[in-house]
């Protein structure tokens, strides 16, 4: 599982055999959320939450927004 970013105890993963649209799976210590990346100038949005605490979700969404260009570039590198 390719980790593409680690920040504040969160791990952002892009699966090589995953489906469009571009998104990341974000892991905290004991939970996971899926965040759609949107366009390079847009805002990421929560697609699915699997037991992630609200405070961690907010941090994950903020980090996805701050690093969205990097995350979208990595998505394209992994998925073509």
PDB file of N, CA and C in Angstrom:
ATOM      1  N   UNK A   1       0.852  -1.160   0.000  1.00  0.00           N
ATOM      2  CA  UNK A   1       0.000   0.000   0.000  1.00  0.00           C
ATOM      3  C   UNK A   1       0.897   1.222   0.000  1.00  0.00           C
ATOM      4  N   UNK A   2       0.887   1.999  -1.068  1.00  0.00           N
ATOM      5  CA  UNK A   2       1.773   3.158  -1.179  1.00  0.00           C
ATOM      6  C   UNK A   2       1.305   4.338  -0.323  1.00  0.00           C
ATOM      7  N   UNK A   3       2.069   4.603   0.717  1.00  0.00           N
ATOM      8  CA  UNK A   3       1.827   5.791   1.525  1.00  0.00           C
ATOM      9  C   UNK A   3       2.424   6.969   0.775  1.00  0.00           C
ATOM     10  N   UNK A   4       1.621   7.980   0.507  1.00  0.00           N
ATOM     11  CA  UNK A   4       2.095   9.127  -0.267  1.00  0.00           C
ATOM     12  C   UNK A   4       2.316  10.353   0.601  1.00  0.00           C
ATOM     13  N   UNK A   5       1.818  10.325   1.849  1.00  0.00           N
ATOM     14  CA  UNK A   5       1.999  11.469   2.746  1.00  0.00           C
ATOM     15  C   UNK A   5       1.762  11.010   4.170  1.00  0.00           C
ATOM     16  N   UNK A   6       2.603  11.479   5.071  1.00  0.00           N
ATOM     17  CA  UNK A   6       2.406  11.287   6.513  1.00  0.00           C
ATOM     18  C   UNK A   6       2.456  12.669   7.149  1.00  0.00           C
ATOM     19  N   UNK A   7       1.442  12.951   7.958  1.00  0.00           N
ATOM     20  CA  UNK A   7       1.392  14.258   8.607  1.00  0.00           C
ATOM     21  C   UNK A   7       0.529  14.155   9.865  1.00  0.00           C
ATOM     22  N   UNK A   8       1.040  14.670  10.961  1.00  0.00           N
ATOM     23  CA  UNK A   8       0.281  14.745  12.212  1.00  0.00           C
ATOM     24  C   UNK A   8      -0.365  13.424  12.620  1.00  0.00           C
ATOM     25  N   UNK A   9       0.344  12.321  12.484  1.00  0.00           N
ATOM     26  CA  UNK A   9      -0.202  11.030  12.884  1.00  0.00           C
ATOM     27  C   UNK A   9      -1.184  10.425  11.892  1.00  0.00           C
ATOM     28  N   UNK A  10      -1.325  11.040  10.729  1.00  0.00           N
ATOM     29  CA  UNK A  10      -2.221  10.536   9.685  1.00  0.00           C
ATOM     30  C   UNK A  10      -1.380  10.001   8.531  1.00  0.00           C
ATOM     31  N   UNK A  11      -1.849   8.925   7.935  1.00  0.00           N
ATOM     32  CA  UNK A  11      -1.162   8.325   6.793  1.00  0.00           C
ATOM     33  C   UNK A  11      -2.104   8.339   5.599  1.00  0.00           C
ATOM     34  N   UNK A  12      -1.661   8.965   4.508  1.00  0.00           N
ATOM     35  CA  UNK A  12      -2.450   9.097   3.275  1.00  0.00           C
ATOM     36  C   UNK A  12      -1.969   8.051   2.280  1.00  0.00           C
ATOM     37  N   UNK A  13      -2.913   7.216   1.819  1.00  0.00           N
ATOM     38  CA  UNK A  13      -2.588   6.079   0.964  1.00  0.00           C
ATOM     39  C   UNK A  13      -3.372   6.179  -0.336  1.00  0.00           C
ATOM     40  N   UNK A  14      -2.713   5.844  -1.448  1.00  0.00           N
ATOM     41  CA  UNK A  14      -3.374   5.704  -2.745  1.00  0.00           C
ATOM     42  C   UNK A  14      -3.120   4.274  -3.211  1.00  0.00           C
ATOM     43  N   UNK A  15      -4.189   3.514  -3.343  1.00  0.00           N
ATOM     44  CA  UNK A  15      -4.073   2.116  -3.777  1.00  0.00           C
ATOM     45  C   UNK A  15      -3.835   2.060  -5.290  1.00  0.00           C
ATOM     46  N   UNK A  16      -2.882   1.259  -5.767  1.00  0.00           N
ATOM     47  CA  UNK A  16      -2.592   1.179  -7.199  1.00  0.00           C
ATOM     48  C   UNK A  16      -3.744   0.619  -8.032  1.00  0.00           C
ATOM     49  N   UNK A  17      -4.542  -0.268  -7.482  1.00  0.00           N
ATOM     50  CA  UNK A  17      -5.620  -0.894  -8.257  1.00  0.00           C
ATOM     51  C   UNK A  17      -6.984  -0.297  -7.914  1.00  0.00           C
ATOM     52  N   UNK A  18      -7.000   0.931  -7.424  1.00  0.00           N
ATOM     53  CA  UNK A  18      -8.245   1.572  -7.004  1.00  0.00           C
ATOM     54  C   UNK A  18      -8.939   2.239  -8.187  1.00  0.00           C
ATOM     55  N   UNK A  19     -10.120   2.729  -7.967  1.00  0.00           N
ATOM     56  CA  UNK A  19     -10.987   3.279  -9.001  1.00  0.00           C
ATOM     57  C   UNK A  19     -10.982   4.805  -8.971  1.00  0.00           C
ATOM     58  N   UNK A  20     -11.421   5.396 -10.072  1.00  0.00           N
ATOM     59  CA  UNK A  20     -11.631   6.846 -10.137  1.00  0.00           C
ATOM     60  C   UNK A  20     -12.938   7.155  -9.410  1.00  0.00           C
ATOM     61  N   UNK A  21     -13.166   8.372  -9.027  1.00  0.00           N
ATOM     62  CA  UNK A  21     -12.347   9.572  -9.172  1.00  0.00           C
ATOM     63  C   UNK A  21     -11.189   9.577  -8.176  1.00  0.00           C
ATOM     64  N   UNK A  22     -10.209  10.472  -8.398  1.00  0.00           N
ATOM     65  CA  UNK A  22      -9.046  10.537  -7.509  1.00  0.00           C
ATOM     66  C   UNK A  22      -9.456  10.739  -6.049  1.00  0.00           C
ATOM     67  N   UNK A  23      -8.883   9.898  -5.188  1.00  0.00           N
ATOM     68  CA  UNK A  23      -9.171   9.975  -3.763  1.00  0.00           C
ATOM     69  C   UNK A  23      -8.025   9.351  -2.988  1.00  0.00           C
ATOM     70  N   UNK A  24      -8.003   9.591  -1.691  1.00  0.00           N
ATOM     71  CA  UNK A  24      -7.013   8.992  -0.805  1.00  0.00           C
ATOM     72  C   UNK A  24      -7.726   8.307   0.348  1.00  0.00           C
ATOM     73  N   UNK A  25      -7.071   7.293   0.876  1.00  0.00           N
ATOM     74  CA  UNK A  25      -7.518   6.646   2.097  1.00  0.00           C
ATOM     75  C   UNK A  25      -6.613   7.188   3.197  1.00  0.00           C
ATOM     76  N   UNK A  26      -7.217   7.690   4.239  1.00  0.00           N
ATOM     77  CA  UNK A  26      -6.456   8.298   5.323  1.00  0.00           C
ATOM     78  C   UNK A  26      -6.622   7.426   6.558  1.00  0.00           C
ATOM     79  N   UNK A  27      -5.489   7.033   7.143  1.00  0.00           N
ATOM     80  CA  UNK A  27      -5.488   6.157   8.308  1.00  0.00           C
ATOM     81  C   UNK A  27      -4.985   6.920   9.518  1.00  0.00           C
ATOM     82  N   UNK A  28      -5.704   6.802  10.608  1.00  0.00           N
ATOM     83  CA  UNK A  28      -5.211   7.249  11.905  1.00  0.00           C
ATOM     84  C   UNK A  28      -4.845   5.979  12.673  1.00  0.00           C
ATOM     85  N   UNK A  29      -4.650   6.074  13.962  1.00  0.00           N
ATOM     86  CA  UNK A  29      -4.217   4.909  14.737  1.00  0.00           C
ATOM     87  C   UNK A  29      -5.166   3.724  14.602  1.00  0.00           C
ATOM     88  N   UNK A  30      -6.467   3.978  14.597  1.00  0.00           N
ATOM     89  CA  UNK A  30      -7.421   2.860  14.603  1.00  0.00           C
ATOM     90  C   UNK A  30      -8.641   3.102  13.726  1.00  0.00           C
ATOM     91  N   UNK A  31      -8.515   3.980  12.742  1.00  0.00           N
ATOM     92  CA  UNK A  31      -9.664   4.314  11.905  1.00  0.00           C
ATOM     93  C   UNK A  31      -9.190   4.683  10.508  1.00  0.00           C
ATOM     94  N   UNK A  32     -10.170   4.768   9.594  1.00  0.00           N
ATOM     95  CA  UNK A  32      -9.869   5.122   8.207  1.00  0.00           C
ATOM     96  C   UNK A  32     -10.987   6.003   7.662  1.00  0.00           C
ATOM     97  N   UNK A  33     -10.606   6.914   6.791  1.00  0.00           N
ATOM     98  CA  UNK A  33     -11.581   7.723   6.058  1.00  0.00           C
ATOM     99  C   UNK A  33     -11.135   7.785   4.604  1.00  0.00           C
ATOM    100  N   UNK A  34     -12.085   7.988   3.722  1.00  0.00           N
ATOM    101  CA  UNK A  34     -11.786   8.169   2.311  1.00  0.00           C
ATOM    102  C   UNK A  34     -12.147   9.593   1.931  1.00  0.00           C
ATOM    103  N   UNK A  35     -11.198  10.276   1.279  1.00  0.00           N
ATOM    104  CA  UNK A  35     -11.386  11.674   0.909  1.00  0.00           C
ATOM    105  C   UNK A  35     -11.223  11.819  -0.596  1.00  0.00           C
ATOM    106  N   UNK A  36     -12.253  12.343  -1.257  1.00  0.00           N
ATOM    107  CA  UNK A  36     -12.182  12.654  -2.684  1.00  0.00           C
ATOM    108  C   UNK A  36     -11.347  13.915  -2.840  1.00  0.00           C
ATOM    109  N   UNK A  37     -10.422  13.915  -3.790  1.00  0.00           N
ATOM    110  CA  UNK A  37      -9.498  15.035  -3.936  1.00  0.00           C
ATOM    111  C   UNK A  37     -10.078  16.198  -4.727  1.00  0.00           C
ATOM    112  N   UNK A  38     -11.035  15.958  -5.610  1.00  0.00           N
ATOM    113  CA  UNK A  38     -11.562  17.048  -6.424  1.00  0.00           C
ATOM    114  C   UNK A  38     -10.514  17.535  -7.415  1.00  0.00           C
ATOM    115  N   UNK A  39     -10.762  18.689  -7.996  1.00  0.00           N
ATOM    116  CA  UNK A  39      -9.827  19.280  -8.955  1.00  0.00           C
ATOM    117  C   UNK A  39      -8.700  19.985  -8.202  1.00  0.00           C
ATOM    118  N   UNK A  40      -7.629  20.313  -8.924  1.00  0.00           N
ATOM    119  CA  UNK A  40      -6.457  20.936  -8.302  1.00  0.00           C
ATOM    120  C   UNK A  40      -6.816  22.212  -7.550  1.00  0.00           C
ATOM    121  N   UNK A  41      -7.776  22.972  -8.021  1.00  0.00           N
ATOM    122  CA  UNK A  41      -8.163  24.202  -7.345  1.00  0.00           C
ATOM    123  C   UNK A  41      -9.368  24.041  -6.450  1.00  0.00           C
ATOM    124  N   UNK A  42      -9.908  22.832  -6.377  1.00  0.00           N
ATOM    125  CA  UNK A  42     -11.128  22.610  -5.609  1.00  0.00           C
ATOM    126  C   UNK A  42     -10.850  22.173  -4.189  1.00  0.00           C
ATOM    127  N   UNK A  43     -11.909  21.799  -3.520  1.00  0.00           N
ATOM    128  CA  UNK A  43     -11.816  21.374  -2.134  1.00  0.00           C
ATOM    129  C   UNK A  43     -12.025  19.869  -2.021  1.00  0.00           C
ATOM    130  N   UNK A  44     -11.184  19.194  -1.247  1.00  0.00           N
ATOM    131  CA  UNK A  44     -11.429  17.778  -0.966  1.00  0.00           C
ATOM    132  C   UNK A  44     -12.707  17.629  -0.155  1.00  0.00           C
ATOM    133  N   UNK A  45     -13.343  16.456  -0.265  1.00  0.00           N
ATOM    134  CA  UNK A  45     -14.563  16.219   0.511  1.00  0.00           C
ATOM    135  C   UNK A  45     -14.549  14.791   1.039  1.00  0.00           C
ATOM    136  N   UNK A  46     -15.170  14.628   2.172  1.00  0.00           N
ATOM    137  CA  UNK A  46     -15.251  13.323   2.804  1.00  0.00           C
ATOM    138  C   UNK A  46     -16.194  12.426   2.015  1.00  0.00           C
ATOM    139  N   UNK A  47     -15.742  11.228   1.664  1.00  0.00           N
ATOM    140  CA  UNK A  47     -16.590  10.252   0.986  1.00  0.00           C
ATOM    141  C   UNK A  47     -17.073   9.180   1.935  1.00  0.00           C
ATOM    142  N   UNK A  48     -16.202   8.785   2.862  1.00  0.00           N
ATOM    143  CA  UNK A  48     -16.578   7.712   3.780  1.00  0.00           C
ATOM    144  C   UNK A  48     -15.752   7.826   5.057  1.00  0.00           C
ATOM    145  N   UNK A  49     -16.392   7.568   6.173  1.00  0.00           N
ATOM    146  CA  UNK A  49     -15.719   7.592   7.460  1.00  0.00           C
ATOM    147  C   UNK A  49     -15.901   6.245   8.144  1.00  0.00           C
ATOM    148  N   UNK A  50     -14.781   5.621   8.499  1.00  0.00           N
ATOM    149  CA  UNK A  50     -14.828   4.352   9.216  1.00  0.00           C
ATOM    150  C   UNK A  50     -14.181   4.546  10.589  1.00  0.00           C
ATOM    151  N   UNK A  51     -14.983   5.072  11.511  1.00  0.00           N
ATOM    152  CA  UNK A  51     -14.621   5.245  12.921  1.00  0.00           C
ATOM    153  C   UNK A  51     -13.586   6.335  13.197  1.00  0.00           C
ATOM    154  N   UNK A  52     -13.289   7.211  12.250  1.00  0.00           N
ATOM    155  CA  UNK A  52     -12.323   8.272  12.521  1.00  0.00           C
ATOM    156  C   UNK A  52     -12.998   9.372  13.333  1.00  0.00           C
ATOM    157  N   UNK A  53     -12.308   9.822  14.370  1.00  0.00           N
ATOM    158  CA  UNK A  53     -12.838  10.886  15.220  1.00  0.00           C
ATOM    159  C   UNK A  53     -12.948  12.192  14.430  1.00  0.00           C
ATOM    160  N   UNK A  54     -13.891  13.018  14.825  1.00  0.00           N
ATOM    161  CA  UNK A  54     -14.149  14.280  14.124  1.00  0.00           C
ATOM    162  C   UNK A  54     -12.894  15.159  14.062  1.00  0.00           C
ATOM    163  N   UNK A  55     -12.149  15.248  15.141  1.00  0.00           N
ATOM    164  CA  UNK A  55     -10.942  16.074  15.154  1.00  0.00           C
ATOM    165  C   UNK A  55      -9.929  15.565  14.121  1.00  0.00           C
ATOM    166  N   UNK A  56      -9.810  14.251  13.966  1.00  0.00           N
ATOM    167  CA  UNK A  56      -8.900  13.685  12.969  1.00  0.00           C
ATOM    168  C   UNK A  56      -9.429  13.897  11.555  1.00  0.00           C
ATOM    169  N   UNK A  57     -10.744  13.834  11.380  1.00  0.00           N
ATOM    170  CA  UNK A  57     -11.331  14.107  10.066  1.00  0.00           C
ATOM    171  C   UNK A  57     -11.037  15.533   9.627  1.00  0.00           C
ATOM    172  N   UNK A  58     -11.181  16.461  10.542  1.00  0.00           N
ATOM    173  CA  UNK A  58     -10.907  17.867  10.212  1.00  0.00           C
ATOM    174  C   UNK A  58      -9.442  18.022   9.822  1.00  0.00           C
ATOM    175  N   UNK A  59      -8.549  17.430  10.598  1.00  0.00           N
ATOM    176  CA  UNK A  59      -7.114  17.517  10.263  1.00  0.00           C
ATOM    177  C   UNK A  59      -6.813  16.865   8.914  1.00  0.00           C
ATOM    178  N   UNK A  60      -7.466  15.733   8.635  1.00  0.00           N
ATOM    179  CA  UNK A  60      -7.250  15.037   7.360  1.00  0.00           C
ATOM    180  C   UNK A  60      -7.732  15.884   6.184  1.00  0.00           C
ATOM    181  N   UNK A  61      -8.901  16.488   6.314  1.00  0.00           N
ATOM    182  CA  UNK A  61      -9.427  17.333   5.237  1.00  0.00           C
ATOM    183  C   UNK A  61      -8.558  18.562   5.037  1.00  0.00           C
ATOM    184  N   UNK A  62      -8.096  19.156   6.115  1.00  0.00           N
ATOM    185  CA  UNK A  62      -7.209  20.326   5.994  1.00  0.00           C
ATOM    186  C   UNK A  62      -5.895  19.941   5.325  1.00  0.00           C
ATOM    187  N   UNK A  63      -5.329  18.797   5.701  1.00  0.00           N
ATOM    188  CA  UNK A  63      -4.078  18.345   5.091  1.00  0.00           C
ATOM    189  C   UNK A  63      -4.284  17.996   3.619  1.00  0.00           C
ATOM    190  N   UNK A  64      -5.414  17.369   3.289  1.00  0.00           N
ATOM    191  CA  UNK A  64      -5.702  17.039   1.887  1.00  0.00           C
ATOM    192  C   UNK A  64      -5.826  18.315   1.058  1.00  0.00           C
ATOM    193  N   UNK A  65      -6.419  19.345   1.636  1.00  0.00           N
ATOM    194  CA  UNK A  65      -6.528  20.622   0.918  1.00  0.00           C
ATOM    195  C   UNK A  65      -5.154  21.259   0.746  1.00  0.00           C
ATOM    196  N   UNK A  66      -4.390  21.295   1.814  1.00  0.00           N
ATOM    197  CA  UNK A  66      -3.061  21.920   1.775  1.00  0.00           C
ATOM    198  C   UNK A  66      -2.123  21.209   0.806  1.00  0.00           C
ATOM    199  N   UNK A  67      -2.242  19.888   0.691  1.00  0.00           N
ATOM    200  CA  UNK A  67      -1.331  19.094  -0.133  1.00  0.00           C
ATOM    201  C   UNK A  67      -2.022  18.509  -1.365  1.00  0.00           C
ATOM    202  N   UNK A  68      -3.147  19.110  -1.792  1.00  0.00           N
ATOM    203  CA  UNK A  68      -3.944  18.538  -2.878  1.00  0.00           C
ATOM    204  C   UNK A  68      -3.184  18.433  -4.191  1.00  0.00           C
ATOM    205  N   UNK A  69      -2.306  19.391  -4.499  1.00  0.00           N
ATOM    206  CA  UNK A  69      -1.551  19.318  -5.756  1.00  0.00           C
ATOM    207  C   UNK A  69      -0.632  18.097  -5.730  1.00  0.00           C
ATOM    208  N   UNK A  70       0.060  17.896  -4.635  1.00  0.00           N
ATOM    209  CA  UNK A  70       0.923  16.723  -4.486  1.00  0.00           C
ATOM    210  C   UNK A  70       0.111  15.434  -4.574  1.00  0.00           C
ATOM    211  N   UNK A  71      -1.010  15.377  -3.872  1.00  0.00           N
ATOM    212  CA  UNK A  71      -1.825  14.167  -3.860  1.00  0.00           C
ATOM    213  C   UNK A  71      -2.397  13.860  -5.246  1.00  0.00           C
ATOM    214  N   UNK A  72      -2.847  14.875  -5.957  1.00  0.00           N
ATOM    215  CA  UNK A  72      -3.347  14.665  -7.325  1.00  0.00           C
ATOM    216  C   UNK A  72      -2.226  14.227  -8.257  1.00  0.00           C
ATOM    217  N   UNK A  73      -1.039  14.788  -8.092  1.00  0.00           N
ATOM    218  CA  UNK A  73       0.106  14.381  -8.922  1.00  0.00           C
ATOM    219  C   UNK A  73       0.452  12.918  -8.651  1.00  0.00           C
ATOM    220  N   UNK A  74       0.471  12.518  -7.380  1.00  0.00           N
ATOM    221  CA  UNK A  74       0.754  11.123  -7.042  1.00  0.00           C
ATOM    222  C   UNK A  74      -0.329  10.185  -7.583  1.00  0.00           C
ATOM    223  N   UNK A  75      -1.606  10.633  -7.541  1.00  0.00           N
ATOM    224  CA  UNK A  75      -2.686   9.821  -8.102  1.00  0.00           C
ATOM    225  C   UNK A  75      -2.420   9.556  -9.585  1.00  0.00           C
ATOM    226  N   UNK A  76      -2.062  10.610 -10.326  1.00  0.00           N
ATOM    227  CA  UNK A  76      -1.798  10.465 -11.766  1.00  0.00           C
ATOM    228  C   UNK A  76      -0.577   9.568 -12.012  1.00  0.00           C
ATOM    229  N   UNK A  77       0.460   9.701 -11.188  1.00  0.00           N
ATOM    230  CA  UNK A  77       1.643   8.853 -11.345  1.00  0.00           C
ATOM    231  C   UNK A  77       1.287   7.380 -11.134  1.00  0.00           C
ATOM    232  N   UNK A  78       0.444   7.109 -10.158  1.00  0.00           N
ATOM    233  CA  UNK A  78       0.096   5.725  -9.828  1.00  0.00           C
ATOM    234  C   UNK A  78      -0.923   5.156 -10.819  1.00  0.00           C
ATOM    235  N   UNK A  79      -1.878   5.988 -11.275  1.00  0.00           N
ATOM    236  CA  UNK A  79      -2.972   5.495 -12.114  1.00  0.00           C
ATOM    237  C   UNK A  79      -2.877   5.884 -13.585  1.00  0.00           C
ATOM    238  N   UNK A  80      -1.898   6.681 -13.931  1.00  0.00           N
ATOM    239  CA  UNK A  80      -1.723   7.061 -15.339  1.00  0.00           C
ATOM    240  C   UNK A  80      -2.644   8.131 -15.826  1.00  0.00           C
TER     241      UNK A  80
END
